[in-house]
Amino acid sequence: MATAEARYSHEALVGVFRRAEVVPRYGHQLSQLHTILALVRAELGLALVPRAAETLKLDSVVPRPVTGVEGEPV
């Protein structure tokens, strides 16, 4: 999860976790979307990224919508 470089997305995601009473364990905190998706592509985990990441269309990275969350998509 990115922090300073993507403050809006970070705050939105933290709010979702807080409302769901979930305390996530972060393996990495990254700011570059390409780096985040490269780690996913290398099968080193998963990532919650903005919907705009779908436009990058990386091989073997399958975007899935998050459902059951109140609010506007990011």
Protein backbone atom coordinates (compact mmCIF):
# COMPACT_ATOMS: atom_id res chain seq x y z
CA MET A 1 0.00 0.00 0.00
CA ALA A 2 1.29 3.42 -0.86
CA THR A 3 1.22 6.17 1.73
CA ALA A 4 2.58 9.67 1.08
CA GLU A 5 2.56 9.40 -2.71
CA ALA A 6 -1.04 8.20 -2.87
CA ARG A 7 -2.59 9.74 0.22
CA TYR A 8 -6.20 9.66 -1.06
CA SER A 9 -6.15 5.96 -1.95
CA HIS A 10 -4.35 5.13 1.27
CA GLU A 11 -6.86 6.98 3.44
CA ALA A 12 -9.82 5.47 1.57
CA LEU A 13 -8.47 1.94 2.03
CA VAL A 14 -7.60 2.46 5.69
CA GLY A 15 -11.16 3.71 6.24
CA VAL A 16 -12.62 0.58 4.63
CA PHE A 17 -10.48 -1.65 6.83
CA ARG A 18 -11.36 0.35 9.94
CA ARG A 19 -15.12 0.17 9.28
CA ALA A 20 -14.83 -3.59 8.72
CA GLU A 21 -12.80 -3.89 11.95
CA VAL A 22 -9.93 -5.44 10.00
CA VAL A 23 -6.29 -4.87 10.87
CA PRO A 24 -4.27 -5.68 7.73
CA ARG A 25 -0.72 -7.00 7.77
CA TYR A 26 1.32 -5.17 5.16
CA GLY A 27 4.19 -7.02 3.52
CA HIS A 28 5.33 -4.01 1.52
CA GLN A 29 4.30 -0.40 1.19
CA LEU A 30 4.94 0.78 -2.34
CA SER A 31 4.04 3.89 -4.30
CA GLN A 32 4.60 2.91 -7.94
CA LEU A 33 1.69 1.06 -9.50
CA HIS A 34 3.92 -0.72 -12.01
CA THR A 35 6.10 -2.05 -9.17
CA ILE A 36 3.05 -3.20 -7.23
CA LEU A 37 1.65 -5.07 -10.22
CA ALA A 38 5.06 -6.54 -11.05
CA LEU A 39 5.15 -8.15 -7.60
CA VAL A 40 1.66 -9.55 -8.18
CA ARG A 41 2.72 -10.81 -11.61
CA ALA A 42 5.72 -12.55 -9.97
CA GLU A 43 3.20 -14.31 -7.69
CA LEU A 44 4.56 -12.59 -4.59
CA GLY A 45 1.15 -11.60 -3.31
CA LEU A 46 -1.92 -9.60 -4.11
CA ALA A 47 -2.69 -5.91 -4.13
CA LEU A 48 -5.61 -3.58 -3.72
CA VAL A 49 -5.15 -0.95 -6.41
CA PRO A 50 -7.34 1.72 -8.02
CA ARG A 51 -9.65 0.62 -10.82
CA ALA A 52 -7.49 2.58 -13.28
CA ALA A 53 -4.85 -0.17 -12.94
CA GLU A 54 -6.99 -2.31 -15.24
CA THR A 55 -5.82 -0.23 -18.20
CA LEU A 56 -2.24 -1.52 -17.79
CA LYS A 57 -3.29 -5.05 -18.85
CA LEU A 58 -0.30 -7.01 -17.57
CA ASP A 59 -0.10 -10.67 -18.55
CA SER A 60 -1.15 -13.04 -15.76
CA VAL A 61 -2.50 -10.19 -13.59
CA VAL A 62 -6.25 -10.55 -13.32
CA PRO A 63 -8.13 -7.56 -11.90
CA ARG A 64 -11.08 -8.44 -9.70
CA PRO A 65 -13.57 -5.95 -8.26
CA VAL A 66 -13.93 -5.65 -4.51
CA THR A 67 -17.56 -6.13 -3.55
CA GLY A 68 -19.48 -5.48 -0.37
CA VAL A 69 -17.74 -2.19 0.35
CA GLU A 70 -19.64 1.05 0.78
CA GLY A 71 -18.55 4.17 -1.03
CA GLU A 72 -17.41 5.23 -4.45
CA PRO A 73 -14.86 3.25 -6.45
CA VAL A 74 -11.34 4.64 -6.43
